[in-house]
N, C-alpha and C. Protein backbone atom coordinates (compact mmCIF):
# COMPACT_ATOMS: atom_id res chain seq x y z
N UNK A 1 17.81 8.03 -5.89
CA UNK A 1 17.17 6.82 -5.09
C UNK A 1 18.12 7.08 -3.69
N UNK A 2 17.33 6.93 -2.56
CA UNK A 2 18.06 6.86 -1.37
C UNK A 2 18.75 5.30 -1.33
N UNK A 3 19.80 5.24 -0.27
CA UNK A 3 20.25 4.09 -0.07
C UNK A 3 19.16 2.95 0.73
N UNK A 4 18.35 3.46 1.43
CA UNK A 4 17.05 2.73 1.92
C UNK A 4 16.29 2.22 0.77
N UNK A 5 16.08 2.95 -0.18
CA UNK A 5 15.13 2.49 -1.11
C UNK A 5 15.77 1.61 -2.12
N UNK A 6 17.09 1.77 -2.39
CA UNK A 6 17.86 0.79 -3.14
C UNK A 6 17.89 -0.45 -2.22
N UNK A 7 18.18 -0.48 -1.23
CA UNK A 7 18.09 -1.77 -0.45
C UNK A 7 16.82 -2.53 -0.27
N UNK A 8 15.80 -1.64 -0.12
CA UNK A 8 14.36 -2.12 -0.37
C UNK A 8 14.21 -2.96 -1.56
N UNK A 9 14.39 -2.23 -2.59
CA UNK A 9 14.23 -2.69 -4.07
C UNK A 9 15.12 -3.83 -4.32
N UNK A 10 16.60 -3.99 -3.87
CA UNK A 10 17.37 -5.15 -4.10
C UNK A 10 16.83 -6.28 -3.25
N UNK A 11 16.41 -6.16 -2.15
CA UNK A 11 16.13 -7.17 -1.36
C UNK A 11 14.73 -7.93 -1.56
N UNK A 12 13.79 -6.80 -1.96
CA UNK A 12 12.45 -7.48 -2.09
C UNK A 12 11.95 -7.55 -3.59
N UNK A 13 12.89 -7.20 -4.71
CA UNK A 13 12.52 -7.37 -6.17
C UNK A 13 11.67 -6.52 -6.40
N UNK A 14 11.46 -5.24 -5.73
CA UNK A 14 10.70 -4.34 -6.32
C UNK A 14 10.18 -3.30 -5.40
N UNK A 15 9.53 -2.32 -5.62
CA UNK A 15 8.96 -1.22 -5.02
C UNK A 15 7.73 -1.45 -4.45
N UNK A 16 7.24 -0.98 -3.43
CA UNK A 16 5.96 -1.01 -3.06
C UNK A 16 4.93 -0.31 -3.94
N UNK A 17 3.91 -0.56 -3.90
CA UNK A 17 2.85 0.26 -4.97
C UNK A 17 1.51 0.66 -4.33
N UNK A 18 0.84 1.41 -4.71
CA UNK A 18 -0.61 1.74 -4.37
C UNK A 18 -1.48 1.78 -5.67
N UNK A 19 -2.80 1.17 -5.48
CA UNK A 19 -3.76 1.38 -6.56
C UNK A 19 -4.99 1.71 -6.16
N UNK A 20 -5.72 2.62 -6.85
CA UNK A 20 -7.15 3.04 -6.35
C UNK A 20 -7.86 1.58 -6.74
N UNK A 21 -8.95 1.55 -5.79
CA UNK A 21 -9.88 0.37 -6.10
C UNK A 21 -10.83 0.85 -7.07
N UNK A 22 -11.01 0.16 -7.95
CA UNK A 22 -12.07 0.80 -9.05
C UNK A 22 -13.29 -0.17 -9.16
N UNK A 23 -14.54 0.63 -9.47
CA UNK A 23 -15.70 0.06 -9.60
C UNK A 23 -15.77 -0.55 -10.90
N UNK A 24 -16.88 -1.21 -11.23
CA UNK A 24 -16.92 -2.08 -12.49
C UNK A 24 -17.03 -1.08 -13.80
N UNK A 25 -17.20 0.20 -13.57
CA UNK A 25 -17.21 1.02 -14.67
C UNK A 25 -15.57 1.74 -14.89
N UNK A 26 -14.83 1.34 -13.93
CA UNK A 26 -13.44 1.78 -13.87
C UNK A 26 -13.11 3.12 -13.34
N UNK A 27 -14.23 3.60 -12.53
CA UNK A 27 -14.11 4.74 -11.71
C UNK A 27 -13.52 4.39 -10.17
N UNK A 28 -12.67 5.37 -9.67
CA UNK A 28 -12.33 5.14 -8.21
C UNK A 28 -13.47 5.17 -7.30
N UNK A 29 -13.34 3.93 -6.41
CA UNK A 29 -14.32 3.84 -5.38
C UNK A 29 -13.83 4.65 -4.22
N UNK A 30 -15.02 5.57 -3.48
CA UNK A 30 -14.67 6.43 -2.45
C UNK A 30 -15.70 6.30 -1.51
N UNK A 31 -15.37 6.71 -0.24
CA UNK A 31 -16.32 6.69 0.74
C UNK A 31 -16.51 8.38 1.21
N UNK A 32 -17.93 8.88 1.20
CA UNK A 32 -17.84 10.24 1.53
C UNK A 32 -17.98 10.48 2.81
N UNK A 33 -16.88 11.61 3.21
CA UNK A 33 -16.79 11.87 4.91
C UNK A 33 -17.43 13.01 5.03
N UNK A 34 -17.39 13.56 6.15
CA UNK A 34 -18.07 14.84 6.51
C UNK A 34 -17.72 16.03 5.67
N UNK A 35 -18.88 16.71 5.35
CA UNK A 35 -18.89 17.95 4.51
C UNK A 35 -18.75 17.32 2.92
N UNK A 36 -18.98 16.08 2.57
CA UNK A 36 -18.88 15.72 1.20
C UNK A 36 -17.35 15.42 0.84
N UNK A 37 -16.51 15.25 1.48
CA UNK A 37 -15.04 14.97 1.24
C UNK A 37 -14.89 13.68 0.55
N UNK A 38 -14.28 13.39 -0.59
CA UNK A 38 -14.16 11.80 -1.00
C UNK A 38 -12.90 11.31 -0.26
N UNK A 39 -13.04 10.11 0.35
CA UNK A 39 -12.03 9.39 0.78
C UNK A 39 -11.85 8.12 -0.11
N UNK A 40 -11.07 8.23 -0.94
CA UNK A 40 -10.58 7.13 -1.97
C UNK A 40 -10.17 6.03 -1.30
N UNK A 41 -10.64 4.90 -1.84
CA UNK A 41 -10.01 3.46 -1.26
C UNK A 41 -8.98 3.18 -2.22
N UNK A 42 -7.82 2.75 -1.38
CA UNK A 42 -6.56 2.49 -2.20
C UNK A 42 -6.01 1.21 -1.48
N UNK A 43 -5.43 0.40 -2.24
CA UNK A 43 -4.73 -0.78 -1.83
C UNK A 43 -3.45 -0.80 -2.00
N UNK A 44 -2.66 -0.88 -0.89
CA UNK A 44 -0.96 -0.82 -0.71
C UNK A 44 -0.84 -2.19 -0.70
N UNK A 45 0.56 -2.32 -1.54
CA UNK A 45 1.10 -3.80 -1.46
C UNK A 45 2.45 -3.72 -1.91
N UNK A 46 2.86 -4.91 -1.93
CA UNK A 46 4.33 -5.22 -2.34
C UNK A 46 4.32 -5.92 -3.85
N UNK A 47 5.54 -5.87 -4.58
CA UNK A 47 5.42 -6.65 -5.69
C UNK A 47 5.76 -8.28 -5.07
N UNK A 48 5.33 -9.27 -5.95
CA UNK A 48 5.70 -10.50 -5.56
C UNK A 48 7.19 -10.57 -4.86
N UNK A 49 7.29 -11.12 -3.78
CA UNK A 49 8.61 -10.66 -2.77
C UNK A 49 9.10 -12.23 -2.37
N UNK A 50 10.27 -12.13 -2.11
CA UNK A 50 11.16 -13.37 -1.68
C UNK A 50 10.13 -13.97 -0.54
N UNK A 51 10.42 -15.15 -0.41
CA UNK A 51 9.66 -16.09 0.68
C UNK A 51 10.14 -15.66 2.07
N UNK A 52 11.25 -15.04 2.40
CA UNK A 52 11.77 -14.83 3.49
C UNK A 52 10.95 -13.69 4.09
N UNK A 53 10.14 -13.00 3.42
CA UNK A 53 9.40 -11.74 4.03
C UNK A 53 8.30 -12.55 4.98
N UNK A 54 8.27 -11.92 6.22
CA UNK A 54 7.19 -12.43 6.95
C UNK A 54 6.21 -11.60 7.32
N UNK A 55 6.29 -10.35 7.44
CA UNK A 55 5.52 -9.27 7.73
C UNK A 55 5.84 -8.00 7.25
N UNK A 56 4.68 -7.23 6.74
CA UNK A 56 4.95 -5.72 6.26
C UNK A 56 4.06 -4.97 7.00
N UNK A 57 4.65 -3.94 7.37
CA UNK A 57 4.01 -2.95 8.28
C UNK A 57 3.85 -1.44 7.51
N UNK A 58 2.82 -1.01 7.45
CA UNK A 58 2.54 0.35 6.87
C UNK A 58 2.33 1.36 7.93
N UNK A 59 3.06 2.26 7.91
CA UNK A 59 2.92 3.44 8.95
C UNK A 59 2.43 4.57 8.25
N UNK A 60 1.04 4.82 8.57
CA UNK A 60 0.30 5.77 7.89
C UNK A 60 0.39 7.26 8.53
N UNK A 61 -0.15 8.28 8.14
CA UNK A 61 -0.10 9.59 8.87
C UNK A 61 -0.77 9.31 10.24
N UNK A 62 -0.14 10.06 11.34
CA UNK A 62 -0.61 9.95 12.54
C UNK A 62 -2.12 10.46 12.81
N UNK A 63 -2.70 11.23 12.01
CA UNK A 63 -4.12 11.40 11.93
C UNK A 63 -5.31 10.17 11.76
N UNK A 64 -4.61 9.13 11.34
CA UNK A 64 -5.51 8.01 10.97
C UNK A 64 -5.84 7.33 12.28
N UNK A 65 -7.00 6.83 12.33
CA UNK A 65 -7.39 6.13 13.57
C UNK A 65 -6.57 5.04 14.16
N UNK A 66 -5.95 4.07 12.94
CA UNK A 66 -5.29 3.23 13.33
C UNK A 66 -3.97 3.37 12.25
N UNK A 67 -3.18 4.26 12.66
CA UNK A 67 -2.07 4.48 11.75
C UNK A 67 -1.00 3.48 11.48
N UNK A 68 -0.97 2.41 12.13
CA UNK A 68 -0.13 1.36 11.94
C UNK A 68 -0.72 -0.10 11.62
N UNK A 69 -0.59 -0.33 10.19
CA UNK A 69 -1.14 -1.38 9.62
C UNK A 69 -0.13 -2.50 9.42
N UNK A 70 -0.62 -3.90 9.63
CA UNK A 70 0.48 -5.02 9.50
C UNK A 70 -0.26 -6.00 8.46
N UNK A 71 0.42 -6.48 7.67
CA UNK A 71 -0.07 -7.66 6.88
C UNK A 71 0.97 -8.88 6.87
N UNK A 72 0.62 -9.99 7.01
CA UNK A 72 1.26 -11.27 7.10
C UNK A 72 0.85 -12.21 5.92
N UNK A 73 0.28 -11.64 5.08
CA UNK A 73 -0.34 -12.32 3.99
C UNK A 73 0.43 -12.21 2.60
N UNK A 74 1.26 -13.41 2.24
CA UNK A 74 2.05 -12.96 1.14
C UNK A 74 1.23 -13.56 -0.16
N UNK A 75 -0.03 -14.23 0.12
CA UNK A 75 -0.63 -14.46 -0.91
C UNK A 75 -1.32 -13.20 -1.79
N UNK A 76 -1.68 -12.21 -0.83
CA UNK A 76 -2.08 -10.91 -1.41
C UNK A 76 -1.19 -9.94 -1.55
N UNK A 77 0.19 -10.34 -1.74
CA UNK A 77 1.21 -9.51 -1.71
C UNK A 77 1.27 -8.30 -0.52
N UNK A 78 1.01 -8.93 0.69
CA UNK A 78 1.03 -8.15 1.74
C UNK A 78 0.07 -6.67 1.75
N UNK A 79 -1.04 -7.06 1.00
CA UNK A 79 -1.90 -5.90 0.65
C UNK A 79 -2.56 -5.25 1.93
N UNK A 80 -2.85 -4.01 2.04
CA UNK A 80 -3.53 -3.28 2.92
C UNK A 80 -4.42 -2.42 2.42
N UNK A 81 -5.61 -2.27 2.69
CA UNK A 81 -6.62 -1.36 2.17
C UNK A 81 -6.79 -0.17 3.01
N UNK A 82 -6.62 0.93 2.65
CA UNK A 82 -6.82 2.06 3.18
C UNK A 82 -7.91 3.10 2.45
N UNK A 83 -8.23 4.09 3.13
CA UNK A 83 -8.83 5.31 2.44
C UNK A 83 -7.97 6.68 2.69
N UNK A 84 -7.94 7.46 1.67
CA UNK A 84 -7.49 8.81 1.89
C UNK A 84 -8.01 10.04 1.02
N UNK A 85 -7.96 11.17 1.56
CA UNK A 85 -8.30 12.12 0.71
C UNK A 85 -7.37 12.99 0.30
N UNK A 86 -6.04 12.83 0.48
CA UNK A 86 -4.83 13.73 0.35
C UNK A 86 -3.77 12.80 0.18
N UNK A 87 -2.43 13.49 -0.10
CA UNK A 87 -1.24 12.87 0.06
C UNK A 87 -0.49 13.21 1.15
N UNK A 88 0.17 12.09 1.61
CA UNK A 88 1.18 12.31 2.98
C UNK A 88 2.35 11.33 2.59
N UNK A 89 3.30 11.45 3.53
CA UNK A 89 4.36 10.62 3.46
C UNK A 89 4.19 9.41 4.41
N UNK A 90 4.49 8.24 4.13
CA UNK A 90 4.34 6.94 4.84
C UNK A 90 5.48 6.09 4.91
N UNK A 91 5.67 5.30 5.77
CA UNK A 91 6.95 4.38 6.13
C UNK A 91 6.16 3.01 5.72
N UNK A 92 6.91 2.25 5.08
CA UNK A 92 6.72 0.75 4.70
C UNK A 92 7.86 0.12 5.22
N UNK A 93 7.76 -0.88 5.97
CA UNK A 93 8.57 -1.81 6.66
C UNK A 93 8.35 -3.11 6.19
N UNK A 94 9.46 -4.08 5.91
CA UNK A 94 9.36 -5.40 5.35
C UNK A 94 10.23 -6.19 6.50
N UNK A 95 9.77 -7.18 7.23
CA UNK A 95 10.69 -7.99 7.98
C UNK A 95 11.06 -9.25 7.20
N UNK A 96 12.34 -9.07 6.73
CA UNK A 96 13.03 -10.19 5.87
C UNK A 96 14.22 -11.20 6.77
N UNK A 97 13.71 -12.07 7.28
CA UNK A 97 14.51 -12.95 8.45
C UNK A 97 14.80 -11.91 9.61
N UNK A 98 16.01 -11.65 9.87
CA UNK A 98 16.14 -10.91 10.97
C UNK A 98 16.41 -9.26 10.63
N UNK A 99 16.24 -8.96 9.34
CA UNK A 99 16.37 -7.60 8.90
C UNK A 99 15.07 -7.05 8.67
N UNK A 100 15.12 -5.76 8.97
CA UNK A 100 13.85 -4.71 8.91
C UNK A 100 14.22 -3.78 7.65
N UNK A 101 13.69 -4.03 6.45
CA UNK A 101 13.96 -3.12 5.26
C UNK A 101 12.92 -2.13 5.33
N UNK A 102 13.05 -0.87 5.10
CA UNK A 102 12.24 0.36 5.28
C UNK A 102 12.12 1.15 3.88
N UNK A 103 11.16 1.70 3.57
CA UNK A 103 11.24 2.81 2.58
C UNK A 103 10.23 4.14 3.19
N UNK A 104 10.63 5.04 2.89
CA UNK A 104 9.67 6.25 3.04
C UNK A 104 9.47 6.88 1.76
N UNK A 105 8.14 6.98 1.59
CA UNK A 105 7.52 7.61 0.39
C UNK A 105 6.17 8.26 0.38
N UNK A 106 5.99 9.15 -0.56
CA UNK A 106 4.63 9.78 -0.54
C UNK A 106 3.70 8.85 -1.15
N UNK A 107 2.43 8.93 -0.57
CA UNK A 107 1.45 7.97 -1.33
C UNK A 107 1.14 8.28 -2.68
N UNK A 108 1.13 9.66 -3.25
CA UNK A 108 1.33 9.93 -4.64
C UNK A 108 2.34 9.17 -5.33
N UNK A 109 3.45 9.17 -4.85
CA UNK A 109 4.54 8.31 -5.55
C UNK A 109 4.15 6.61 -5.88
N UNK A 110 3.50 6.23 -4.78
CA UNK A 110 3.28 4.99 -4.83
C UNK A 110 2.12 4.63 -5.89
N UNK A 111 1.29 5.54 -5.91
CA UNK A 111 0.12 5.61 -6.89
C UNK A 111 0.72 5.63 -8.51
N UNK A 112 1.85 6.44 -8.41
CA UNK A 112 2.47 6.48 -9.95
C UNK A 112 3.28 5.33 -10.32
N UNK A 113 3.83 4.40 -9.48
CA UNK A 113 4.64 3.32 -9.77
C UNK A 113 3.89 2.21 -10.61
N UNK A 114 4.79 1.76 -11.55
CA UNK A 114 3.90 0.80 -12.31
C UNK A 114 3.76 -0.43 -11.71
N UNK A 115 2.61 -1.36 -12.11
CA UNK A 115 2.21 -2.31 -11.40
C UNK A 115 3.21 -3.69 -11.83
N UNK A 116 3.90 -3.49 -12.72
CA UNK A 116 4.69 -4.61 -13.15
C UNK A 116 6.23 -4.55 -12.79
N UNK A 117 6.74 -4.57 -11.61
CA UNK A 117 8.09 -4.26 -11.32
C UNK A 117 8.94 -5.42 -11.96
N UNK A 118 10.22 -4.89 -12.59
CA UNK A 118 11.14 -5.84 -13.02
C UNK A 118 10.62 -6.95 -14.01
N UNK A 119 9.62 -6.32 -14.88
CA UNK A 119 9.28 -7.27 -15.78
C UNK A 119 8.30 -8.44 -15.26
N UNK A 120 7.87 -8.40 -14.12
CA UNK A 120 7.00 -9.59 -13.53
C UNK A 120 5.47 -9.12 -13.56
N UNK A 121 4.69 -10.00 -13.98
CA UNK A 121 3.33 -9.69 -13.98
C UNK A 121 2.74 -9.56 -12.48
N UNK A 122 2.09 -8.63 -12.06
CA UNK A 122 1.61 -8.45 -10.75
C UNK A 122 0.07 -8.32 -10.97
N UNK A 123 -0.65 -9.30 -10.06
CA UNK A 123 -2.13 -8.97 -10.26
C UNK A 123 -2.59 -7.66 -9.92
N UNK A 124 -3.82 -7.19 -10.58
CA UNK A 124 -4.41 -6.00 -10.48
C UNK A 124 -5.20 -6.01 -9.22
N UNK A 125 -4.91 -5.06 -8.26
CA UNK A 125 -5.66 -4.83 -7.05
C UNK A 125 -7.33 -4.83 -7.27
N UNK A 126 -8.21 -5.29 -6.23
CA UNK A 126 -9.41 -5.26 -6.45
C UNK A 126 -9.90 -6.06 -7.73
N UNK A 127 -9.26 -6.90 -8.30
CA UNK A 127 -9.36 -7.81 -9.38
C UNK A 127 -9.14 -9.26 -8.97
N UNK A 128 -8.03 -9.47 -9.16
CA UNK A 128 -7.62 -11.12 -8.87
C UNK A 128 -7.32 -11.45 -7.33
N UNK A 129 -6.75 -10.22 -6.67
CA UNK A 129 -6.52 -10.53 -5.12
C UNK A 129 -7.64 -10.67 -4.59
N UNK A 130 -7.83 -11.51 -3.27
CA UNK A 130 -8.86 -11.37 -2.56
C UNK A 130 -9.06 -10.18 -1.89
N UNK A 131 -10.47 -9.76 -2.00
CA UNK A 131 -10.86 -8.26 -1.49
C UNK A 131 -10.72 -8.01 0.13
N UNK A 132 -10.15 -7.03 0.50
CA UNK A 132 -10.30 -6.86 1.98
C UNK A 132 -11.27 -5.51 2.13
N UNK A 133 -11.95 -5.56 3.40
CA UNK A 133 -12.74 -4.41 3.67
C UNK A 133 -11.95 -3.32 4.20
N UNK A 134 -12.30 -2.13 3.79
CA UNK A 134 -11.59 -0.86 4.22
C UNK A 134 -11.95 -0.71 5.87
N UNK A 135 -11.10 -0.22 6.86
CA UNK A 135 -11.55 0.06 8.03
C UNK A 135 -12.81 0.85 8.14
N UNK A 136 -13.69 0.85 9.02
CA UNK A 136 -14.90 1.69 9.33
C UNK A 136 -14.55 3.17 9.71
N UNK A 137 -15.15 4.11 9.28
CA UNK A 137 -14.90 5.62 9.68
C UNK A 137 -13.90 6.30 9.01
N UNK A 138 -13.87 7.68 9.06
CA UNK A 138 -13.06 8.35 8.31
C UNK A 138 -11.63 8.14 8.81
N UNK A 139 -10.45 8.41 7.90
CA UNK A 139 -9.32 8.13 8.33
C UNK A 139 -8.14 9.15 8.34
N UNK A 140 -8.03 9.94 7.38
CA UNK A 140 -6.80 10.91 7.30
C UNK A 140 -7.57 12.40 7.45
N UNK A 141 -7.06 12.96 8.40
CA UNK A 141 -7.48 14.31 8.55
C UNK A 141 -6.28 15.27 8.66
N UNK A 142 -6.02 15.82 7.76
CA UNK A 142 -4.67 16.58 7.59
C UNK A 142 -5.10 18.16 7.84
């Protein structure tokens, strides 16, 4: 684990996660792009975090129409909904007081992380957290 990741973990009480949005039958939700490419709907979020976090910025792949996404909503665990058809590296930044904590990680790694950091129960995305609509149009073209 890098120093920046351990600092992120220590001060935020857990690592950022990503979850596929699922339909009622448990299958991943997707938007069909040009040529039939499936762009899967994915929720990015933090675990329940300290009250000092004021904003979380997700810096996505530069080919997104809107590659910088921000959330100021601790109720949804700073959730941001994206669509993606592939893996890429992204930066997650959390403003904690006057500090900016950052983690650089692959989307696939976020999807593999457990939903219950440090033994705390985290609401399942697409279920108990308020739903957010994905941005219109295709997003990531690599």
